[in-house]
Amino acid sequence: MNEDWQQGGFGLYLHWPFCQAKCPYCDFNSHVAQNIDQSRWLKAYLSELDRYAEEIPNRVLNSVFFGGGTPSLMDPDLVARILERIRQIWPQANDLEVTLEANPGSVESGRFQAYAQAGVNRVSMGIQALNNHDLRRLGRIHTVEEARTAFDVARTHFDRVSFDLIYARQDQTLNNWRKELAEALSMAADHLSLYQLTIEQGTAFGDRYNRGLLRGLPEDDIAADMYELTQDLCGTAGLLAYEVSNHAKPGSESRHNLIYWRYGDYIGIGPGAHGRITLNGQRYATETELAPGKWLHAVESGIRAESRAPLAGLDQAGEYLMMGLRIADGINADRYTALAGQPLNAEKLRYLIDIDMIEITGQNVSVTDAGRMVLNAVIKELLVDN
């Protein structure tokens, strides 16, 4: 009998927690450290892989994702050793995707080549803006020229290269964004992640915002116009919005992220990494120790550096709903029913159809273009309170 996770696939996320500098908008688990003993970190990652090998053997692995932090600060030999161990542990899908996140200011051609030789076949670059003034405002340590060079070098070593941009930045106009996005599309990327700037509490931007010092942020209606413009320009260029913030040419979608959105299983290794794993028919949410030093010490001491919480069926259904409605494919109503033990609320579905927020084709429930603009409200309408 097939388990639910098999409908989404099986992936591995490995978190490298270090950066050269902390960006003021970033709320990820990233840290600046002067000295990093990469050999200690390698031993810890390999130890965790071996532990998971005993718990979850013989599954076909669909993707590996090195995230951070800035994984392009990792020694390429460390990446090679990790991927070698992964190949020894799990059988791989024929189209195994191995992604490494990279910042344009922390990489050069020799390192890209070494990552490719190690087995990385996709790079995701954090460019974030295509003008130097805004890069400085965002706390980025690279220039546009460095970003373009890094992108060109990456294209010589990897068939698949994605990059991120942030819009709705301070003092950004709709026309500014139109020109910048057109420039990004002209760079011949096959995948773009385009995020609206959000002000997260606990970040430097959050503190400035709270003190009234983060001026020039676009009004909500202008930000909404920027979102619609993004859909139009990317669609015209053939990069379809397969997820709310992600655009790709057909076949170039991020297979790893689709595991999340299709609610598959994924192992999370490294400080602050999250996971969803199914053991003996029960799905668990896993979460690791946040502090890099504590995580490393725990693993070296033979102590499990993660917590696990069993997920009830209704919780799994809620997560499937929240993740699955983000993608253009939407969710399968029968799968939701199997997880939740009850169907989606028919009255709420009819209401959302009537106001053009969702559409239903057979057993497939997906969000319309209008619904994507207010996705959180649509999800909230359909979620069941425990």
Protein backbone atom coordinates (compact mmCIF):
# COMPACT_ATOMS: atom_id res chain seq x y z
CA MET A 1 0.00 0.00 0.00
CA ASN A 2 1.36 3.40 -0.96
CA GLU A 3 1.90 5.92 1.83
CA ASP A 4 0.74 9.52 1.44
CA TRP A 5 4.24 11.01 1.20
CA GLN A 6 4.86 9.10 -2.04
CA GLN A 7 2.49 11.48 -3.83
CA GLY A 8 4.98 14.29 -3.15
CA GLY A 9 8.34 12.54 -3.30
CA PHE A 10 11.35 12.30 -0.98
CA GLY A 11 14.03 14.95 -0.53
CA LEU A 12 16.92 15.96 1.70
CA TYR A 13 17.57 19.50 2.95
CA LEU A 14 20.98 20.31 4.44
CA HIS A 15 21.41 23.65 6.23
CA TRP A 16 24.71 25.54 6.22
CA PRO A 17 24.18 28.30 8.81
CA PHE A 18 27.02 30.70 7.99
CA CYS A 19 27.12 33.93 5.97
CA GLN A 20 29.76 36.56 5.32
CA ALA A 21 27.30 39.23 6.51
CA LYS A 22 23.75 39.27 7.89
CA CYS A 23 21.23 40.95 5.57
CA PRO A 24 18.87 43.33 7.39
CA TYR A 25 15.68 41.77 5.93
CA CYS A 26 16.70 38.14 6.59
CA ASP A 27 14.90 36.05 9.21
CA PHE A 28 16.59 32.76 8.27
CA ASN A 29 18.85 30.94 10.70
CA SER A 30 22.11 32.47 9.50
CA HIS A 31 25.18 33.55 11.44
CA VAL A 32 28.46 35.35 10.79
CA ALA A 33 31.53 33.49 12.08
CA GLN A 34 35.21 34.32 11.69
CA ASN A 35 36.54 30.77 11.94
CA ILE A 36 34.69 27.67 10.79
CA ASP A 37 36.21 24.21 11.23
CA GLN A 38 34.73 22.65 8.13
CA SER A 39 36.14 19.21 8.95
CA ARG A 40 34.06 19.15 12.17
CA TRP A 41 30.97 20.14 10.25
CA LEU A 42 31.59 17.46 7.64
CA LYS A 43 31.83 14.76 10.31
CA ALA A 44 28.61 16.01 11.90
CA TYR A 45 26.67 16.03 8.60
CA LEU A 46 27.92 12.55 7.73
CA SER A 47 26.96 11.31 11.19
CA GLU A 48 23.42 12.62 10.77
CA LEU A 49 23.14 11.08 7.31
CA ASP A 50 24.19 7.71 8.73
CA ARG A 51 21.60 8.02 11.48
CA TYR A 52 18.84 8.67 8.98
CA ALA A 53 20.11 5.84 6.78
CA GLU A 54 19.20 3.39 9.54
CA GLU A 55 15.74 4.90 10.07
CA ILE A 56 14.73 5.49 6.46
CA PRO A 57 16.54 3.00 4.21
CA ASN A 58 15.97 2.15 0.55
CA ARG A 59 13.82 5.13 -0.45
CA VAL A 60 14.36 6.64 -3.87
CA LEU A 61 15.74 10.14 -3.32
CA ASN A 62 14.36 12.82 -5.66
CA SER A 63 16.33 15.89 -4.55
CA VAL A 64 19.09 17.30 -2.36
CA PHE A 65 19.13 20.98 -1.41
CA PHE A 66 22.04 22.80 0.24
CA GLY A 67 20.43 25.88 1.84
CA GLY A 68 21.48 28.51 4.29
CA GLY A 69 23.04 30.75 5.23
CA THR A 70 25.39 30.79 2.29
CA PRO A 71 26.25 27.24 1.19
CA SER A 72 28.63 28.62 -1.45
CA LEU A 73 30.97 29.26 1.50
CA MET A 74 31.27 25.48 1.94
CA ASP A 75 34.48 23.85 0.82
CA PRO A 76 33.65 22.01 -2.44
CA ASP A 77 35.34 18.89 -1.04
CA LEU A 78 32.88 18.98 1.87
CA VAL A 79 29.97 19.07 -0.62
CA ALA A 80 31.54 16.23 -2.60
CA ARG A 81 31.97 14.06 0.50
CA ILE A 82 28.38 14.66 1.59
CA LEU A 83 27.00 13.78 -1.85
CA GLU A 84 29.21 10.70 -2.01
CA ARG A 85 27.74 9.48 1.29
CA ILE A 86 24.19 10.23 0.13
CA ARG A 87 24.78 8.13 -3.02
CA GLN A 88 25.93 5.25 -0.82
CA ILE A 89 22.82 5.47 1.39
CA TRP A 90 19.84 5.96 -0.92
CA PRO A 91 19.00 4.97 -4.47
CA GLN A 92 18.55 8.11 -6.56
CA ALA A 93 15.91 9.06 -9.07
CA ASN A 94 17.16 9.23 -12.66
CA ASP A 95 16.50 12.98 -12.61
CA LEU A 96 17.99 13.63 -9.15
CA GLU A 97 18.19 17.38 -8.57
CA VAL A 98 21.07 18.69 -6.43
CA THR A 99 20.71 22.42 -5.71
CA LEU A 100 23.16 24.70 -3.96
CA GLU A 101 22.28 28.25 -2.91
CA ALA A 102 24.97 30.80 -3.77
CA ASN A 103 25.57 34.49 -3.24
CA PRO A 104 27.28 36.31 -6.11
CA GLY A 105 29.73 37.95 -3.72
CA SER A 106 31.01 34.71 -2.23
CA VAL A 107 31.71 32.57 -5.27
CA GLU A 108 34.09 32.41 -8.21
CA SER A 109 34.47 30.23 -11.28
CA GLY A 110 36.85 27.70 -9.72
CA ARG A 111 34.42 26.99 -6.93
CA PHE A 112 31.44 26.66 -9.28
CA GLN A 113 33.38 24.18 -11.37
CA ALA A 114 34.31 22.19 -8.26
CA TYR A 115 30.68 22.11 -7.10
CA ALA A 116 29.62 20.79 -10.50
CA GLN A 117 32.30 18.10 -10.32
CA ALA A 118 31.06 17.21 -6.81
CA GLY A 119 27.59 16.48 -8.20
CA VAL A 120 25.68 19.76 -7.87
CA ASN A 121 23.53 20.23 -10.99
CA ARG A 122 21.49 23.32 -10.13
CA VAL A 123 22.44 26.64 -8.54
CA SER A 124 20.06 29.15 -6.96
CA MET A 125 21.64 32.61 -6.72
CA GLY A 126 20.59 35.32 -4.27
CA ILE A 127 20.98 38.36 -6.51
CA GLN A 128 17.99 40.26 -4.97
CA ALA A 129 18.33 43.52 -6.98
CA LEU A 130 19.81 44.71 -10.25
CA ASN A 131 20.93 48.15 -9.14
CA ASN A 132 23.78 48.89 -6.76
CA HIS A 133 21.96 51.49 -4.66
CA ASP A 134 19.25 49.00 -3.68
CA LEU A 135 21.77 46.21 -3.16
CA ARG A 136 23.49 48.40 -0.55
CA ARG A 137 20.12 49.19 1.07
CA LEU A 138 19.40 45.46 1.26
CA GLY A 139 22.74 44.87 2.94
CA ARG A 140 24.10 42.82 0.05
CA ILE A 141 27.87 42.70 -0.32
CA HIS A 142 27.99 42.12 -4.08
CA THR A 143 27.53 44.55 -6.96
CA VAL A 144 25.35 44.16 -10.03
CA GLU A 145 28.49 43.62 -12.11
CA GLU A 146 29.63 40.81 -9.79
CA ALA A 147 26.16 39.26 -9.91
CA ARG A 148 26.09 39.27 -13.72
CA THR A 149 29.58 37.77 -13.88
CA ALA A 150 28.70 35.07 -11.37
CA PHE A 151 25.52 34.26 -13.28
CA ASP A 152 27.42 33.95 -16.57
CA VAL A 153 30.03 31.71 -14.95
CA ALA A 154 27.33 29.55 -13.38
CA ARG A 155 25.68 29.08 -16.77
CA THR A 156 28.92 27.60 -18.12
CA HIS A 157 28.95 24.90 -15.41
CA PHE A 158 25.28 24.18 -14.70
CA ASP A 159 22.40 23.48 -17.05
CA ARG A 160 19.97 24.94 -14.53
CA VAL A 161 20.53 28.30 -12.83
CA SER A 162 17.89 30.22 -10.89
CA PHE A 163 18.11 33.55 -9.16
CA ASP A 164 16.08 35.55 -6.65
CA LEU A 165 14.90 39.15 -6.81
CA ILE A 166 13.04 41.16 -4.19
CA TYR A 167 10.48 43.78 -5.26
CA ALA A 168 8.33 46.38 -3.48
CA ARG A 169 11.58 47.79 -2.13
CA GLN A 170 12.06 51.27 -0.67
CA ASP A 171 11.31 54.04 -3.20
CA GLN A 172 10.78 51.51 -5.99
CA THR A 173 8.23 52.54 -8.62
CA LEU A 174 6.19 50.31 -10.88
CA ASN A 175 8.22 51.47 -13.87
CA ASN A 176 11.50 50.78 -12.02
CA TRP A 177 10.35 47.21 -11.43
CA ARG A 178 9.19 46.81 -15.03
CA LYS A 179 12.69 47.72 -16.30
CA GLU A 180 14.47 45.59 -13.71
CA LEU A 181 12.35 42.52 -14.34
CA ALA A 182 12.77 42.91 -18.10
CA GLU A 183 16.52 43.00 -17.52
CA ALA A 184 16.33 39.84 -15.40
CA LEU A 185 14.32 38.05 -18.07
CA SER A 186 16.88 39.08 -20.70
CA MET A 187 19.56 37.20 -18.75
CA ALA A 188 18.04 33.94 -20.04
CA ALA A 189 17.36 32.35 -16.70
CA ASP A 190 15.03 29.35 -16.80
CA HIS A 191 13.80 29.92 -13.24
CA LEU A 192 13.17 33.09 -11.23
CA SER A 193 12.07 33.44 -7.62
CA LEU A 194 10.44 36.86 -7.23
CA TYR A 195 9.52 37.84 -3.69
CA GLN A 196 7.73 40.88 -2.36
CA LEU A 197 9.76 42.49 0.43
CA THR A 198 8.19 41.54 3.75
CA ILE A 199 9.22 43.17 7.01
CA GLU A 200 9.84 40.41 9.56
CA GLN A 201 9.92 41.09 13.27
CA GLY A 202 13.28 40.32 14.85
CA THR A 203 15.26 41.51 11.82
CA ALA A 204 17.18 44.77 11.42
CA PHE A 205 14.52 45.94 8.94
CA GLY A 206 11.82 45.02 11.45
CA ASP A 207 13.49 47.12 14.15
CA ARG A 208 13.86 50.09 11.77
CA TYR A 209 10.25 49.76 10.65
CA ASN A 210 9.03 49.73 14.25
CA ARG A 211 10.94 52.98 14.88
CA GLY A 212 9.51 54.61 11.75
CA LEU A 213 12.91 54.66 10.07
CA LEU A 214 12.19 52.38 7.11
CA ARG A 215 10.74 54.93 4.74
CA GLY A 216 9.63 54.76 1.12
CA LEU A 217 7.97 51.34 1.16
CA PRO A 218 5.33 51.13 -1.62
CA GLU A 219 1.66 51.34 -0.70
CA ASP A 220 -0.27 48.07 -0.79
CA ASP A 221 -1.99 48.90 -4.08
CA ILE A 222 1.34 49.64 -5.79
CA ALA A 223 2.81 46.39 -4.42
CA ALA A 224 -0.26 44.58 -5.81
CA ASP A 225 0.33 46.24 -9.19
CA MET A 226 3.94 45.04 -9.06
CA TYR A 227 2.72 41.49 -8.41
CA GLU A 228 0.34 41.62 -11.39
CA LEU A 229 3.07 43.10 -13.60
CA THR A 230 5.36 40.26 -12.52
CA GLN A 231 2.80 37.67 -13.64
CA ASP A 232 2.28 39.41 -16.99
CA LEU A 233 5.95 39.90 -17.90
CA CYS A 234 7.05 36.42 -16.79
CA GLY A 235 4.10 34.78 -18.54
CA THR A 236 4.88 36.61 -21.78
CA ALA A 237 8.52 35.46 -21.49
CA GLY A 238 7.43 31.82 -21.05
CA LEU A 239 8.31 31.59 -17.35
CA LEU A 240 5.04 30.36 -15.94
CA ALA A 241 3.97 31.03 -12.35
CA TYR A 242 3.95 27.46 -11.11
CA GLU A 243 3.93 28.76 -7.51
CA VAL A 244 3.00 32.13 -5.97
CA SER A 245 6.55 33.51 -6.06
CA ASN A 246 8.26 31.12 -8.47
CA HIS A 247 8.36 31.23 -12.26
CA ALA A 248 9.92 28.69 -14.59
CA LYS A 249 10.05 27.46 -18.13
CA PRO A 250 8.22 24.11 -18.37
CA GLY A 251 10.50 21.39 -17.00
CA SER A 252 12.70 23.82 -15.06
CA GLU A 253 10.60 23.98 -11.89
CA SER A 254 12.44 23.41 -8.59
CA ARG A 255 11.87 19.71 -7.94
CA HIS A 256 12.98 20.07 -4.35
CA ASN A 257 10.53 22.85 -3.53
CA LEU A 258 7.76 20.90 -5.28
CA ILE A 259 8.32 18.15 -2.70
CA TYR A 260 7.36 20.68 -0.02
CA TRP A 261 4.39 22.05 -1.96
CA ARG A 262 3.15 18.58 -2.93
CA TYR A 263 3.55 17.49 0.70
CA GLY A 264 6.13 14.79 0.30
CA ASP A 265 8.66 13.64 2.89
CA TYR A 266 11.96 15.43 3.41
CA ILE A 267 14.79 15.08 5.88
CA GLY A 268 16.14 18.27 7.46
CA ILE A 269 19.78 18.19 8.62
CA GLY A 270 21.73 21.07 10.16
CA PRO A 271 20.98 23.87 12.65
CA GLY A 272 17.37 25.00 12.47
CA ALA A 273 16.41 22.60 9.68
CA HIS A 274 12.80 21.38 9.53
CA GLY A 275 11.61 18.06 8.13
CA ARG A 276 8.57 15.86 7.50
CA ILE A 277 9.23 12.15 7.71
CA THR A 278 6.95 9.11 7.71
CA LEU A 279 7.97 6.18 9.91
CA ASN A 280 5.80 3.06 10.20
CA GLY A 281 2.84 4.89 8.71
CA GLN A 282 3.07 7.91 11.06
CA ARG A 283 4.18 11.30 9.75
CA TYR A 284 6.35 13.42 12.05
CA ALA A 285 7.37 17.07 12.03
CA THR A 286 11.05 17.40 12.87
CA GLU A 287 12.94 20.49 13.98
CA THR A 288 16.61 20.76 14.88
CA GLU A 289 18.53 22.84 17.41
CA LEU A 290 18.84 26.43 16.12
CA ALA A 291 22.22 27.50 17.51
CA PRO A 292 25.06 26.19 15.30
CA GLY A 293 27.40 25.54 18.22
CA LYS A 294 24.77 23.67 20.22
CA TRP A 295 23.73 21.60 17.21
CA LEU A 296 27.32 20.67 16.42
CA HIS A 297 28.12 19.77 20.04
CA ALA A 298 24.99 17.64 20.36
CA VAL A 299 25.76 15.66 17.20
CA GLU A 300 29.39 15.17 18.24
CA SER A 301 28.20 13.95 21.65
CA GLY A 302 25.88 11.39 20.08
CA ILE A 303 22.78 13.27 21.22
CA ARG A 304 19.83 13.66 18.84
CA ALA A 305 19.83 17.36 17.98
CA GLU A 306 16.21 17.44 16.88
CA SER A 307 12.70 17.23 18.25
CA ARG A 308 9.92 15.17 16.68
CA ALA A 309 6.19 15.65 16.92
CA PRO A 310 3.63 13.21 15.48
CA LEU A 311 1.12 14.88 13.17
CA ALA A 312 -2.54 13.99 13.45
CA GLY A 313 -4.44 13.42 10.21
CA LEU A 314 -6.22 16.77 10.37
CA ASP A 315 -2.91 18.56 10.93
CA GLN A 316 -1.42 16.83 7.90
CA ALA A 317 -4.46 17.79 5.83
CA GLY A 318 -4.07 21.40 6.92
CA GLU A 319 -0.40 21.44 5.94
CA TYR A 320 -1.22 19.83 2.59
CA LEU A 321 -3.85 22.51 2.01
CA MET A 322 -1.53 25.39 2.95
CA MET A 323 1.33 24.11 0.81
CA GLY A 324 -0.65 22.72 -2.12
CA LEU A 325 -2.76 25.79 -2.81
CA ARG A 326 0.45 27.76 -3.38
CA ILE A 327 1.11 25.92 -6.63
CA ALA A 328 -0.79 26.20 -9.89
CA ASP A 329 -1.59 22.47 -9.76
CA GLY A 330 -3.53 22.91 -6.51
CA ILE A 331 -4.58 19.98 -4.31
CA ASN A 332 -6.48 16.72 -4.76
CA ALA A 333 -9.73 16.71 -2.79
CA ASP A 334 -9.66 12.92 -2.32
CA ARG A 335 -6.15 13.08 -0.89
CA TYR A 336 -7.26 15.83 1.50
CA THR A 337 -10.21 13.67 2.62
CA ALA A 338 -7.95 10.65 3.18
CA LEU A 339 -5.66 12.71 5.40
CA ALA A 340 -8.32 14.66 7.29
CA GLY A 341 -10.89 11.89 7.66
CA GLN A 342 -13.46 14.37 6.33
CA PRO A 343 -13.95 16.26 3.07
CA LEU A 344 -13.39 19.94 2.43
CA ASN A 345 -16.37 22.06 3.48
CA ALA A 346 -18.72 22.01 0.46
CA GLU A 347 -20.43 25.26 1.43
CA LYS A 348 -17.14 27.14 1.67
CA LEU A 349 -15.97 25.67 -1.62
CA ARG A 350 -19.14 26.91 -3.35
CA TYR A 351 -18.70 30.36 -1.82
CA LEU A 352 -15.08 30.60 -2.99
CA ILE A 353 -16.07 29.46 -6.48
CA ASP A 354 -18.86 32.05 -6.61
CA ILE A 355 -16.46 34.90 -5.80
CA ASP A 356 -13.85 33.57 -8.26
CA MET A 357 -11.22 32.64 -5.67
CA ILE A 358 -10.90 28.93 -6.56
CA GLU A 359 -11.80 26.56 -9.36
CA ILE A 360 -12.51 22.82 -9.23
CA THR A 361 -11.76 20.41 -12.06
CA GLY A 362 -12.66 16.84 -11.23
CA GLN A 363 -11.01 16.23 -7.86
CA ASN A 364 -8.54 19.08 -8.31
CA VAL A 365 -8.94 22.29 -6.30
CA SER A 366 -6.77 25.24 -7.35
CA VAL A 367 -6.65 28.96 -6.69
CA THR A 368 -7.54 31.44 -9.45
CA ASP A 369 -5.39 34.44 -10.39
CA ALA A 370 -7.67 36.60 -8.22
CA GLY A 371 -7.39 34.09 -5.38
CA ARG A 372 -3.61 34.17 -5.46
CA MET A 373 -3.70 37.87 -4.64
CA VAL A 374 -5.36 37.02 -1.31
CA LEU A 375 -4.08 33.47 -0.89
CA ASN A 376 -3.83 33.55 2.90
CA ALA A 377 -7.50 34.54 3.18
CA VAL A 378 -8.52 31.69 0.86
CA ILE A 379 -6.52 29.18 2.89
CA LYS A 380 -7.95 30.51 6.15
CA GLU A 381 -11.47 30.05 4.76
CA LEU A 382 -10.85 26.35 4.06
CA LEU A 383 -8.79 25.40 7.12
CA VAL A 384 -10.59 23.37 9.76
CA ASP A 385 -10.10 24.31 13.40
CA ASN A 386 -9.12 21.34 15.54
